Amino acid sequence: MVRGWASCVLADTGGRFLQGIGAAGAFPIVLPLVGDLFESEEEVSHNLGVIETSNTFGKVLSPILGALLGAWIWYAPLLSIPALCLISVLLVLFLVHEPKKREQAKPLREFVSAVKEVLKQKGRWLYAIFSIGCISMFLLFGVLFYLSEQLETKHGLNGVIKGLVLAIPLAALCLASFITGKKIGKDKKLMKWSGVAGLILSTGALFGIGFFSNIYFVIACLIVCGSGIGIVLPSSDALITEGIDKEMRGTITSLYSSMRFIGVSAGPPVMSLLMKAGHMTMFFVIAGVSLVAVILLLTLVKPESGRGGAIKPKEPRRRPKVARPLHQG
């Protein structure tokens, strides 16, 4: 609302700041809420896929609807946000039911101690998932920024047409998220290897773009890259939701969401700097970043067993006990 009526850059920046706080406060709640609302692990994984699909579908629609509304009145896209937020608030109020039994919140010191204990025990794979979430969003928003820039400067596409083209890789991501969430169930090994497959797809597609700059080839590779990221995100969400106890799930998923937002904010400025280095260098660098995510997932995330198994933390090595000789006499 502030941005819609803003008449100066400072007011617009302030409105953007408030919008960011609102989004950052709302999104981290969704993942643990899904984990708490459903008892079956298959239902949790499926609905996490639906959440990622819905999240991505919003990204698909935003450039198209934004261009349509902007063509009518330039500030119409900004004023549409409060209306959409109001609809979301009403849906949550009337369709999401609170649990009858409420657990009492822990004291702050006890809560901080519990978070430290979780990170101490499971930090090895949690930090890997945090990094993978950050890298995935960095890749997504980085390549979308690049594609938007190329469509506008080199191909003269603007408005709705540009929004439709940008929606193509996002639609692939959306479909991949939905299918992945439906298929992975509660099999944690499948979650891991689905994530590995998705990251390999993204890495290969980004390396491929480095060799050719033809716009049709670039869009085709970005469809593959988007599909790969669409496989990774629900798999990572499910690993965290299924690997953390309900008491600490909200806090851990908030940290995970924060890392994803860091990737979102870092993608466009880093890509704008890399664009100065040349097409091949730019895509080889971000493909290398994607490859780092593959290595992290392969080496640090090790589910103990398949269906229903917990994520196994790294155990310290124990020295074998040496039998002491008995004293004679």
C-alpha atoms as a PDB file:
ATOM      1  CA  MET A   1       0.000   0.000   0.000  1.00  0.00           C
ATOM      2  CA  VAL A   2       2.820   2.421   0.926  1.00  0.00           C
ATOM      3  CA  ARG A   3       4.621   1.694  -2.344  1.00  0.00           C
ATOM      4  CA  GLY A   4       1.461   2.228  -4.375  1.00  0.00           C
ATOM      5  CA  TRP A   5       0.986   5.758  -3.064  1.00  0.00           C
ATOM      6  CA  ALA A   6       4.700   6.573  -2.757  1.00  0.00           C
ATOM      7  CA  SER A   7       5.809   9.788  -4.452  1.00  0.00           C
ATOM      8  CA  CYS A   8       9.534   9.497  -3.716  1.00  0.00           C
ATOM      9  CA  VAL A   9      12.260   6.867  -3.779  1.00  0.00           C
ATOM     10  CA  LEU A  10      12.626   6.859   0.008  1.00  0.00           C
ATOM     11  CA  ALA A  11       8.941   6.052   0.583  1.00  0.00           C
ATOM     12  CA  ASP A  12       9.051   3.347  -2.100  1.00  0.00           C
ATOM     13  CA  THR A  13      12.144   1.817  -0.469  1.00  0.00           C
ATOM     14  CA  GLY A  14      10.422   1.906   2.934  1.00  0.00           C
ATOM     15  CA  GLY A  15       7.392   0.138   1.499  1.00  0.00           C
ATOM     16  CA  ARG A  16       9.634  -2.470  -0.070  1.00  0.00           C
ATOM     17  CA  PHE A  17      11.344  -2.973   3.290  1.00  0.00           C
ATOM     18  CA  LEU A  18       7.990  -3.558   5.027  1.00  0.00           C
ATOM     19  CA  GLN A  19       6.945  -5.929   2.250  1.00  0.00           C
ATOM     20  CA  GLY A  20      10.129  -7.942   2.761  1.00  0.00           C
ATOM     21  CA  ILE A  21       9.526  -8.188   6.515  1.00  0.00           C
ATOM     22  CA  GLY A  22       5.992  -9.441   5.890  1.00  0.00           C
ATOM     23  CA  ALA A  23       7.089 -12.089   3.394  1.00  0.00           C
ATOM     24  CA  ALA A  24       9.983 -13.216   5.596  1.00  0.00           C
ATOM     25  CA  GLY A  25       7.627 -13.564   8.546  1.00  0.00           C
ATOM     26  CA  ALA A  26       4.924 -15.483   6.696  1.00  0.00           C
ATOM     27  CA  PHE A  27       6.758 -18.012   4.541  1.00  0.00           C
ATOM     28  CA  PRO A  28       8.813 -19.825   7.255  1.00  0.00           C
ATOM     29  CA  ILE A  29       5.589 -20.673   9.102  1.00  0.00           C
ATOM     30  CA  VAL A  30       4.205 -22.676   6.180  1.00  0.00           C
ATOM     31  CA  LEU A  31       6.642 -25.616   6.166  1.00  0.00           C
ATOM     32  CA  PRO A  32       6.359 -26.568   9.872  1.00  0.00           C
ATOM     33  CA  LEU A  33       2.605 -25.952   9.747  1.00  0.00           C
ATOM     34  CA  VAL A  34       2.242 -28.549   6.981  1.00  0.00           C
ATOM     35  CA  GLY A  35       4.332 -30.957   9.032  1.00  0.00           C
ATOM     36  CA  ASP A  36       2.051 -30.442  12.045  1.00  0.00           C
ATOM     37  CA  LEU A  37      -1.292 -30.579  10.227  1.00  0.00           C
ATOM     38  CA  PHE A  38      -0.756 -34.022   8.682  1.00  0.00           C
ATOM     39  CA  GLU A  39       0.065 -37.228  10.560  1.00  0.00           C
ATOM     40  CA  SER A  40       1.142 -39.419   7.628  1.00  0.00           C
ATOM     41  CA  GLU A  41       4.652 -38.800   6.280  1.00  0.00           C
ATOM     42  CA  GLU A  42       3.424 -39.466   2.727  1.00  0.00           C
ATOM     43  CA  GLU A  43       0.819 -36.709   3.159  1.00  0.00           C
ATOM     44  CA  VAL A  44       3.444 -34.327   4.552  1.00  0.00           C
ATOM     45  CA  SER A  45       5.792 -34.894   1.585  1.00  0.00           C
ATOM     46  CA  HIS A  46       2.953 -34.598  -0.925  1.00  0.00           C
ATOM     47  CA  ASN A  47       1.658 -31.367   0.583  1.00  0.00           C
ATOM     48  CA  LEU A  48       5.143 -29.872   0.804  1.00  0.00           C
ATOM     49  CA  GLY A  49       5.324 -30.480  -2.947  1.00  0.00           C
ATOM     50  CA  VAL A  50       1.980 -28.701  -3.323  1.00  0.00           C
ATOM     51  CA  ILE A  51       3.333 -25.771  -1.275  1.00  0.00           C
ATOM     52  CA  GLU A  52       6.411 -25.470  -3.504  1.00  0.00           C
ATOM     53  CA  THR A  53       4.161 -25.765  -6.565  1.00  0.00           C
ATOM     54  CA  SER A  54       1.906 -22.977  -5.300  1.00  0.00           C
ATOM     55  CA  ASN A  55       4.908 -20.843  -4.384  1.00  0.00           C
ATOM     56  CA  THR A  56       6.339 -21.260  -7.872  1.00  0.00           C
ATOM     57  CA  PHE A  57       2.959 -20.751  -9.546  1.00  0.00           C
ATOM     58  CA  GLY A  58       2.897 -17.319  -7.929  1.00  0.00           C
ATOM     59  CA  LYS A  59       6.259 -16.618  -9.578  1.00  0.00           C
ATOM     60  CA  VAL A  60       4.825 -17.804 -12.908  1.00  0.00           C
ATOM     61  CA  LEU A  61       1.846 -15.460 -12.675  1.00  0.00           C
ATOM     62  CA  SER A  62       3.617 -12.430 -11.203  1.00  0.00           C
ATOM     63  CA  PRO A  63       5.488 -11.216 -14.338  1.00  0.00           C
ATOM     64  CA  ILE A  64       2.402 -11.768 -16.519  1.00  0.00           C
ATOM     65  CA  LEU A  65      -0.164 -10.157 -14.213  1.00  0.00           C
ATOM     66  CA  GLY A  66       2.327  -7.455 -13.242  1.00  0.00           C
ATOM     67  CA  ALA A  67       2.797  -6.513 -16.894  1.00  0.00           C
ATOM     68  CA  LEU A  68      -0.966  -6.507 -17.543  1.00  0.00           C
ATOM     69  CA  LEU A  69      -1.715  -4.322 -14.523  1.00  0.00           C
ATOM     70  CA  GLY A  70       1.270  -2.059 -15.223  1.00  0.00           C
ATOM     71  CA  ALA A  71       0.014  -1.486 -18.757  1.00  0.00           C
ATOM     72  CA  TRP A  72      -3.232  -0.184 -17.264  1.00  0.00           C
ATOM     73  CA  ILE A  73      -1.792   2.047 -14.478  1.00  0.00           C
ATOM     74  CA  TRP A  74       1.866   1.954 -13.468  1.00  0.00           C
ATOM     75  CA  TYR A  75       1.161   1.618  -9.733  1.00  0.00           C
ATOM     76  CA  ALA A  76      -1.657  -0.949 -10.137  1.00  0.00           C
ATOM     77  CA  PRO A  77       0.680  -3.939  -9.471  1.00  0.00           C
ATOM     78  CA  LEU A  78       1.687  -2.349  -6.163  1.00  0.00           C
ATOM     79  CA  LEU A  79      -1.891  -1.713  -5.069  1.00  0.00           C
ATOM     80  CA  SER A  80      -2.880  -5.277  -6.007  1.00  0.00           C
ATOM     81  CA  ILE A  81      -0.565  -6.689  -3.303  1.00  0.00           C
ATOM     82  CA  PRO A  82      -2.721  -5.533  -0.324  1.00  0.00           C
ATOM     83  CA  ALA A  83      -5.798  -7.044  -1.984  1.00  0.00           C
ATOM     84  CA  LEU A  84      -4.036 -10.381  -2.470  1.00  0.00           C
ATOM     85  CA  CYS A  85      -2.729 -10.278   1.105  1.00  0.00           C
ATOM     86  CA  LEU A  86      -6.250  -9.655   2.408  1.00  0.00           C
ATOM     87  CA  ILE A  87      -7.515 -12.702   0.501  1.00  0.00           C
ATOM     88  CA  SER A  88      -4.677 -14.776   2.007  1.00  0.00           C
ATOM     89  CA  VAL A  89      -5.503 -13.569   5.534  1.00  0.00           C
ATOM     90  CA  LEU A  90      -9.171 -14.505   5.124  1.00  0.00           C
ATOM     91  CA  LEU A  91      -8.284 -17.951   3.755  1.00  0.00           C
ATOM     92  CA  VAL A  92      -6.005 -18.631   6.720  1.00  0.00           C
ATOM     93  CA  LEU A  93      -8.589 -17.367   9.227  1.00  0.00           C
ATOM     94  CA  PHE A  94     -11.422 -19.516   7.942  1.00  0.00           C
ATOM     95  CA  LEU A  95      -9.729 -22.599   6.460  1.00  0.00           C
ATOM     96  CA  VAL A  96      -6.713 -23.285   8.712  1.00  0.00           C
ATOM     97  CA  HIS A  97      -7.901 -24.598  12.078  1.00  0.00           C
ATOM     98  CA  GLU A  98      -5.837 -24.260  15.236  1.00  0.00           C
ATOM     99  CA  PRO A  99      -5.055 -27.391  17.265  1.00  0.00           C
ATOM    100  CA  LYS A 100      -7.244 -27.815  20.342  1.00  0.00           C
ATOM    101  CA  LYS A 101      -4.267 -28.552  22.558  1.00  0.00           C
ATOM    102  CA  ARG A 102      -1.622 -25.827  22.799  1.00  0.00           C
ATOM    103  CA  GLU A 103       1.855 -26.519  24.103  1.00  0.00           C
ATOM    104  CA  GLN A 104       3.420 -24.005  26.453  1.00  0.00           C
ATOM    105  CA  ALA A 105       6.373 -22.104  24.998  1.00  0.00           C
ATOM    106  CA  LYS A 106       9.805 -22.780  26.467  1.00  0.00           C
ATOM    107  CA  PRO A 107      11.707 -20.036  28.332  1.00  0.00           C
ATOM    108  CA  LEU A 108      14.150 -18.158  26.090  1.00  0.00           C
ATOM    109  CA  ARG A 109      17.297 -19.618  27.644  1.00  0.00           C
ATOM    110  CA  GLU A 110      15.959 -23.162  27.411  1.00  0.00           C
ATOM    111  CA  PHE A 111      14.827 -22.547  23.827  1.00  0.00           C
ATOM    112  CA  VAL A 112      18.254 -21.239  22.724  1.00  0.00           C
ATOM    113  CA  SER A 113      19.913 -24.203  24.425  1.00  0.00           C
ATOM    114  CA  ALA A 114      17.596 -26.615  22.571  1.00  0.00           C
ATOM    115  CA  VAL A 115      18.402 -24.980  19.210  1.00  0.00           C
ATOM    116  CA  LYS A 116      22.128 -25.246  19.906  1.00  0.00           C
ATOM    117  CA  GLU A 117      21.720 -28.904  20.807  1.00  0.00           C
ATOM    118  CA  VAL A 118      19.863 -29.669  17.562  1.00  0.00           C
ATOM    119  CA  LEU A 119      22.515 -27.895  15.483  1.00  0.00           C
ATOM    120  CA  LYS A 120      25.248 -29.704  17.409  1.00  0.00           C
ATOM    121  CA  GLN A 121      23.711 -33.118  16.808  1.00  0.00           C
ATOM    122  CA  LYS A 122      22.397 -32.644  13.264  1.00  0.00           C
ATOM    123  CA  GLY A 123      24.335 -29.641  12.009  1.00  0.00           C
ATOM    124  CA  ARG A 124      26.356 -31.689   9.506  1.00  0.00           C
ATOM    125  CA  TRP A 125      23.386 -32.393   7.228  1.00  0.00           C
ATOM    126  CA  LEU A 126      21.303 -29.357   8.233  1.00  0.00           C
ATOM    127  CA  TYR A 127      24.004 -26.905   7.136  1.00  0.00           C
ATOM    128  CA  ALA A 128      24.227 -28.799   3.850  1.00  0.00           C
ATOM    129  CA  ILE A 129      20.454 -28.484   3.281  1.00  0.00           C
ATOM    130  CA  PHE A 130      20.577 -24.797   4.237  1.00  0.00           C
ATOM    131  CA  SER A 131      23.335 -24.225   1.661  1.00  0.00           C
ATOM    132  CA  ILE A 132      21.488 -26.211  -1.010  1.00  0.00           C
ATOM    133  CA  GLY A 133      18.330 -24.144  -0.464  1.00  0.00           C
ATOM    134  CA  CYS A 134      20.357 -20.938  -0.753  1.00  0.00           C
ATOM    135  CA  ILE A 135      22.142 -22.136  -3.900  1.00  0.00           C
ATOM    136  CA  SER A 136      18.901 -23.305  -5.536  1.00  0.00           C
ATOM    137  CA  MET A 137      17.223 -19.915  -5.121  1.00  0.00           C
ATOM    138  CA  PHE A 138      20.426 -18.137  -6.137  1.00  0.00           C
ATOM    139  CA  LEU A 139      20.458 -20.117  -9.392  1.00  0.00           C
ATOM    140  CA  LEU A 140      16.752 -19.601 -10.034  1.00  0.00           C
ATOM    141  CA  PHE A 141      16.639 -15.842  -9.540  1.00  0.00           C
ATOM    142  CA  GLY A 142      20.060 -15.348 -11.124  1.00  0.00           C
ATOM    143  CA  VAL A 143      19.126 -17.022 -14.405  1.00  0.00           C
ATOM    144  CA  LEU A 144      15.706 -15.334 -14.437  1.00  0.00           C
ATOM    145  CA  PHE A 145      17.439 -11.967 -14.093  1.00  0.00           C
ATOM    146  CA  TYR A 146      19.771 -12.877 -16.964  1.00  0.00           C
ATOM    147  CA  LEU A 147      16.893 -14.067 -19.177  1.00  0.00           C
ATOM    148  CA  SER A 148      14.847 -10.937 -18.448  1.00  0.00           C
ATOM    149  CA  GLU A 149      17.810  -8.727 -19.322  1.00  0.00           C
ATOM    150  CA  GLN A 150      18.489 -10.578 -22.572  1.00  0.00           C
ATOM    151  CA  LEU A 151      14.848 -10.572 -23.683  1.00  0.00           C
ATOM    152  CA  GLU A 152      14.592  -6.832 -23.141  1.00  0.00           C
ATOM    153  CA  THR A 153      17.961  -5.586 -24.462  1.00  0.00           C
ATOM    154  CA  LYS A 154      18.739  -8.037 -27.289  1.00  0.00           C
ATOM    155  CA  HIS A 155      15.314  -9.201 -28.436  1.00  0.00           C
ATOM    156  CA  GLY A 156      13.113  -6.202 -27.692  1.00  0.00           C
ATOM    157  CA  LEU A 157      10.547  -8.150 -25.675  1.00  0.00           C
ATOM    158  CA  ASN A 158       8.681  -6.236 -22.987  1.00  0.00           C
ATOM    159  CA  GLY A 159       5.491  -6.396 -20.967  1.00  0.00           C
ATOM    160  CA  VAL A 160       3.237  -9.422 -21.205  1.00  0.00           C
ATOM    161  CA  ILE A 161       5.298 -11.191 -23.906  1.00  0.00           C
ATOM    162  CA  LYS A 162       8.425 -11.031 -21.770  1.00  0.00           C
ATOM    163  CA  GLY A 163       6.411 -12.234 -18.767  1.00  0.00           C
ATOM    164  CA  LEU A 164       5.145 -15.225 -20.754  1.00  0.00           C
ATOM    165  CA  VAL A 165       8.678 -16.211 -21.784  1.00  0.00           C
ATOM    166  CA  LEU A 166       9.943 -15.867 -18.193  1.00  0.00           C
ATOM    167  CA  ALA A 167       7.069 -18.080 -17.073  1.00  0.00           C
ATOM    168  CA  ILE A 168       8.276 -21.024 -19.220  1.00  0.00           C
ATOM    169  CA  PRO A 169      11.143 -22.256 -16.970  1.00  0.00           C
ATOM    170  CA  LEU A 170       9.058 -21.413 -13.890  1.00  0.00           C
ATOM    171  CA  ALA A 171       6.210 -23.555 -15.203  1.00  0.00           C
ATOM    172  CA  ALA A 172       8.676 -26.460 -15.591  1.00  0.00           C
ATOM    173  CA  LEU A 173       9.800 -25.891 -11.989  1.00  0.00           C
ATOM    174  CA  CYS A 174       6.178 -25.799 -10.854  1.00  0.00           C
ATOM    175  CA  LEU A 175       5.337 -29.128 -12.528  1.00  0.00           C
ATOM    176  CA  ALA A 176       8.514 -30.822 -11.268  1.00  0.00           C
ATOM    177  CA  SER A 177       7.791 -29.699  -7.675  1.00  0.00           C
ATOM    178  CA  PHE A 178       4.292 -31.126  -7.786  1.00  0.00           C
ATOM    179  CA  ILE A 179       5.367 -34.495  -9.220  1.00  0.00           C
ATOM    180  CA  THR A 180       8.325 -34.807  -6.835  1.00  0.00           C
ATOM    181  CA  GLY A 181       6.236 -34.065  -3.757  1.00  0.00           C
ATOM    182  CA  LYS A 182       3.742 -36.701  -4.856  1.00  0.00           C
ATOM    183  CA  LYS A 183       6.356 -39.393  -5.510  1.00  0.00           C
ATOM    184  CA  ILE A 184       8.913 -39.143  -2.692  1.00  0.00           C
ATOM    185  CA  GLY A 185       6.500 -40.138   0.092  1.00  0.00           C
ATOM    186  CA  LYS A 186       8.440 -40.824   3.307  1.00  0.00           C
ATOM    187  CA  ASP A 187      11.435 -42.481   1.658  1.00  0.00           C
ATOM    188  CA  LYS A 188      14.355 -40.345   2.824  1.00  0.00           C
ATOM    189  CA  LYS A 189      16.863 -42.064   0.565  1.00  0.00           C
ATOM    190  CA  LEU A 190      14.605 -41.227  -2.389  1.00  0.00           C
ATOM    191  CA  MET A 191      14.443 -37.616  -1.147  1.00  0.00           C
ATOM    192  CA  LYS A 192      18.237 -37.425  -1.168  1.00  0.00           C
ATOM    193  CA  TRP A 193      18.744 -39.041  -4.572  1.00  0.00           C
ATOM    194  CA  SER A 194      15.913 -37.031  -6.116  1.00  0.00           C
ATOM    195  CA  GLY A 195      17.729 -33.906  -4.921  1.00  0.00           C
ATOM    196  CA  VAL A 196      21.010 -35.187  -6.378  1.00  0.00           C
ATOM    197  CA  ALA A 197      19.332 -35.906  -9.733  1.00  0.00           C
ATOM    198  CA  GLY A 198      17.722 -32.452  -9.778  1.00  0.00           C
ATOM    199  CA  LEU A 199      21.008 -30.677  -9.031  1.00  0.00           C
ATOM    200  CA  ILE A 200      22.835 -32.702 -11.700  1.00  0.00           C
ATOM    201  CA  LEU A 201      20.170 -31.667 -14.219  1.00  0.00           C
ATOM    202  CA  SER A 202      20.604 -28.013 -13.244  1.00  0.00           C
ATOM    203  CA  THR A 203      24.403 -28.227 -13.346  1.00  0.00           C
ATOM    204  CA  GLY A 204      24.440 -29.873 -16.785  1.00  0.00           C
ATOM    205  CA  ALA A 205      21.947 -27.368 -18.195  1.00  0.00           C
ATOM    206  CA  LEU A 206      23.981 -24.390 -16.931  1.00  0.00           C
ATOM    207  CA  PHE A 207      27.217 -25.814 -18.324  1.00  0.00           C
ATOM    208  CA  GLY A 208      25.429 -26.305 -21.656  1.00  0.00           C
ATOM    209  CA  ILE A 209      24.270 -22.684 -21.809  1.00  0.00           C
ATOM    210  CA  GLY A 210      27.915 -21.622 -21.402  1.00  0.00           C
ATOM    211  CA  PHE A 211      28.743 -22.999 -24.864  1.00  0.00           C
ATOM    212  CA  PHE A 212      25.836 -21.452 -26.813  1.00  0.00           C
ATOM    213  CA  SER A 213      24.023 -18.140 -26.452  1.00  0.00           C
ATOM    214  CA  ASN A 214      21.188 -18.805 -28.907  1.00  0.00           C
ATOM    215  CA  ILE A 215      18.013 -17.685 -27.136  1.00  0.00           C
ATOM    216  CA  TYR A 216      16.039 -20.819 -28.037  1.00  0.00           C
ATOM    217  CA  PHE A 217      18.832 -23.058 -26.746  1.00  0.00           C
ATOM    218  CA  VAL A 218      19.101 -20.945 -23.589  1.00  0.00           C
ATOM    219  CA  ILE A 219      15.358 -21.227 -22.888  1.00  0.00           C
ATOM    220  CA  ALA A 220      15.427 -24.999 -23.509  1.00  0.00           C
ATOM    221  CA  CYS A 221      18.314 -25.399 -21.044  1.00  0.00           C
ATOM    222  CA  LEU A 222      16.567 -23.175 -18.512  1.00  0.00           C
ATOM    223  CA  ILE A 223      13.524 -25.455 -18.714  1.00  0.00           C
ATOM    224  CA  VAL A 224      15.829 -28.344 -17.732  1.00  0.00           C
ATOM    225  CA  CYS A 225      17.438 -26.210 -15.017  1.00  0.00           C
ATOM    226  CA  GLY A 226      14.027 -25.163 -13.676  1.00  0.00           C
ATOM    227  CA  SER A 227      12.890 -28.787 -13.608  1.00  0.00           C
ATOM    228  CA  GLY A 228      16.008 -29.721 -11.652  1.00  0.00           C
ATOM    229  CA  ILE A 229      15.438 -26.991  -9.071  1.00  0.00           C
ATOM    230  CA  GLY A 230      11.792 -28.062  -8.892  1.00  0.00           C
ATOM    231  CA  ILE A 231      12.953 -31.550  -7.887  1.00  0.00           C
ATOM    232  CA  VAL A 232      15.451 -30.265  -5.310  1.00  0.00           C
ATOM    233  CA  LEU A 233      13.196 -27.888  -3.339  1.00  0.00           C
ATOM    234  CA  PRO A 234      10.431 -30.266  -2.157  1.00  0.00           C
ATOM    235  CA  SER A 235      13.048 -32.944  -1.447  1.00  0.00           C
ATOM    236  CA  SER A 236      14.993 -30.537   0.785  1.00  0.00           C
ATOM    237  CA  ASP A 237      11.794 -29.343   2.475  1.00  0.00           C
ATOM    238  CA  ALA A 238      10.780 -32.931   3.229  1.00  0.00           C
ATOM    239  CA  LEU A 239      14.215 -33.906   4.561  1.00  0.00           C
ATOM    240  CA  ILE A 240      14.096 -31.081   7.096  1.00  0.00           C
ATOM    241  CA  THR A 241      10.442 -31.582   8.033  1.00  0.00           C
ATOM    242  CA  GLU A 242      10.867 -35.342   8.499  1.00  0.00           C
ATOM    243  CA  GLY A 243      14.311 -35.159  10.118  1.00  0.00           C
ATOM    244  CA  ILE A 244      13.518 -32.662  12.902  1.00  0.00           C
ATOM    245  CA  ASP A 245      11.213 -33.160  15.898  1.00  0.00           C
ATOM    246  CA  LYS A 246       8.017 -31.094  15.946  1.00  0.00           C
ATOM    247  CA  GLU A 247       9.190 -28.986  18.888  1.00  0.00           C
ATOM    248  CA  MET A 248      12.141 -27.566  16.932  1.00  0.00           C
ATOM    249  CA  ARG A 249      10.795 -27.831  13.390  1.00  0.00           C
ATOM    250  CA  GLY A 250       9.550 -24.241  13.197  1.00  0.00           C
ATOM    251  CA  THR A 251      12.888 -22.751  14.239  1.00  0.00           C
ATOM    252  CA  ILE A 252      14.962 -24.934  11.909  1.00  0.00           C
ATOM    253  CA  THR A 253      12.696 -24.307   8.923  1.00  0.00           C
ATOM    254  CA  SER A 254      12.888 -20.566   9.675  1.00  0.00           C
ATOM    255  CA  LEU A 255      16.682 -20.766   9.402  1.00  0.00           C
ATOM    256  CA  TYR A 256      16.275 -22.735   6.172  1.00  0.00           C
ATOM    257  CA  SER A 257      13.871 -20.135   4.760  1.00  0.00           C
ATOM    258  CA  SER A 258      16.301 -17.353   5.709  1.00  0.00           C
ATOM    259  CA  MET A 259      19.033 -19.065   3.702  1.00  0.00           C
ATOM    260  CA  ARG A 260      16.668 -19.330   0.741  1.00  0.00           C
ATOM    261  CA  PHE A 261      15.943 -15.593   0.930  1.00  0.00           C
ATOM    262  CA  ILE A 262      19.686 -14.902   0.946  1.00  0.00           C
ATOM    263  CA  GLY A 263      19.906 -16.818  -2.334  1.00  0.00           C
ATOM    264  CA  VAL A 264      16.981 -14.842  -3.750  1.00  0.00           C
ATOM    265  CA  SER A 265      18.609 -11.510  -2.898  1.00  0.00           C
ATOM    266  CA  ALA A 266      22.108 -12.525  -4.023  1.00  0.00           C
ATOM    267  CA  GLY A 267      21.160 -13.955  -7.432  1.00  0.00           C
ATOM    268  CA  PRO A 268      20.441 -10.795  -9.506  1.00  0.00           C
ATOM    269  CA  PRO A 269      23.377  -8.604  -8.296  1.00  0.00           C
ATOM    270  CA  VAL A 270      25.900 -11.447  -8.641  1.00  0.00           C
ATOM    271  CA  MET A 271      24.643 -12.235 -12.159  1.00  0.00           C
ATOM    272  CA  SER A 272      24.869  -8.559 -13.138  1.00  0.00           C
ATOM    273  CA  LEU A 273      28.541  -8.601 -12.105  1.00  0.00           C
ATOM    274  CA  LEU A 274      29.245 -11.913 -13.856  1.00  0.00           C
ATOM    275  CA  MET A 275      27.642 -10.663 -17.085  1.00  0.00           C
ATOM    276  CA  LYS A 276      30.610  -8.295 -17.451  1.00  0.00           C
ATOM    277  CA  ALA A 277      32.965 -11.283 -17.535  1.00  0.00           C
ATOM    278  CA  GLY A 278      31.328 -12.815 -20.595  1.00  0.00           C
ATOM    279  CA  HIS A 279      28.666 -15.405 -21.390  1.00  0.00           C
ATOM    280  CA  MET A 280      30.808 -18.544 -21.027  1.00  0.00           C
ATOM    281  CA  THR A 281      32.548 -17.443 -17.812  1.00  0.00           C
ATOM    282  CA  MET A 282      29.251 -16.439 -16.228  1.00  0.00           C
ATOM    283  CA  PHE A 283      27.529 -19.761 -16.788  1.00  0.00           C
ATOM    284  CA  PHE A 284      30.569 -21.855 -15.972  1.00  0.00           C
ATOM    285  CA  VAL A 285      30.814 -20.059 -12.623  1.00  0.00           C
ATOM    286  CA  ILE A 286      27.172 -20.601 -11.663  1.00  0.00           C
ATOM    287  CA  ALA A 287      27.340 -24.197 -12.935  1.00  0.00           C
ATOM    288  CA  GLY A 288      30.296 -24.624 -10.574  1.00  0.00           C
ATOM    289  CA  VAL A 289      28.172 -23.264  -7.724  1.00  0.00           C
ATOM    290  CA  SER A 290      25.488 -25.812  -8.621  1.00  0.00           C
ATOM    291  CA  LEU A 291      28.126 -28.551  -8.629  1.00  0.00           C
ATOM    292  CA  VAL A 292      29.095 -27.546  -5.075  1.00  0.00           C
ATOM    293  CA  ALA A 293      25.480 -28.209  -4.049  1.00  0.00           C
ATOM    294  CA  VAL A 294      25.679 -31.687  -5.628  1.00  0.00           C
ATOM    295  CA  ILE A 295      28.821 -32.478  -3.624  1.00  0.00           C
ATOM    296  CA  LEU A 296      27.269 -31.197  -0.383  1.00  0.00           C
ATOM    297  CA  LEU A 297      24.187 -33.357  -0.846  1.00  0.00           C
ATOM    298  CA  LEU A 298      26.200 -36.442  -1.780  1.00  0.00           C
ATOM    299  CA  THR A 299      28.711 -36.231   1.044  1.00  0.00           C
ATOM    300  CA  LEU A 300      26.916 -34.646   4.002  1.00  0.00           C
ATOM    301  CA  VAL A 301      23.290 -35.809   3.816  1.00  0.00           C
ATOM    302  CA  LYS A 302      23.139 -39.505   4.724  1.00  0.00           C
ATOM    303  CA  PRO A 303      19.725 -40.932   5.592  1.00  0.00           C
ATOM    304  CA  GLU A 304      20.099 -43.853   7.984  1.00  0.00           C
ATOM    305  CA  SER A 305      17.500 -45.978   6.230  1.00  0.00           C
ATOM    306  CA  GLY A 306      14.853 -45.785   3.530  1.00  0.00           C
ATOM    307  CA  ARG A 307      11.194 -45.446   4.436  1.00  0.00           C
ATOM    308  CA  GLY A 308      10.693 -43.690   7.736  1.00  0.00           C
ATOM    309  CA  GLY A 309      14.375 -43.662   8.674  1.00  0.00           C
ATOM    310  CA  ALA A 310      15.929 -40.699  10.444  1.00  0.00           C
ATOM    311  CA  ILE A 311      18.798 -38.625   9.123  1.00  0.00           C
ATOM    312  CA  LYS A 312      21.872 -40.086  10.717  1.00  0.00           C
ATOM    313  CA  PRO A 313      24.186 -37.570  12.405  1.00  0.00           C
ATOM    314  CA  LYS A 314      27.906 -38.082  12.223  1.00  0.00           C
ATOM    315  CA  GLU A 315      29.034 -40.056  15.242  1.00  0.00           C
ATOM    316  CA  PRO A 316      32.445 -39.493  16.834  1.00  0.00           C
ATOM    317  CA  ARG A 317      34.922 -42.317  16.442  1.00  0.00           C
ATOM    318  CA  ARG A 318      35.393 -44.425  19.511  1.00  0.00           C
ATOM    319  CA  ARG A 319      38.736 -45.888  20.417  1.00  0.00           C
ATOM    320  CA  PRO A 320      38.661 -49.663  20.879  1.00  0.00           C
ATOM    321  CA  LYS A 321      39.021 -50.768  24.445  1.00  0.00           C
ATOM    322  CA  VAL A 322      42.286 -52.544  25.190  1.00  0.00           C
ATOM    323  CA  ALA A 323      41.985 -55.360  27.701  1.00  0.00           C
ATOM    324  CA  ARG A 324      44.267 -54.909  30.673  1.00  0.00           C
ATOM    325  CA  PRO A 325      46.302 -57.926  31.813  1.00  0.00           C
ATOM    326  CA  LEU A 326      45.213 -59.506  35.089  1.00  0.00           C
ATOM    327  CA  HIS A 327      47.676 -59.220  37.970  1.00  0.00           C
ATOM    328  CA  GLN A 328      49.016 -62.599  39.052  1.00  0.00           C
ATOM    329  CA  GLY A 329      49.072 -63.673  42.653  1.00  0.00           C
END
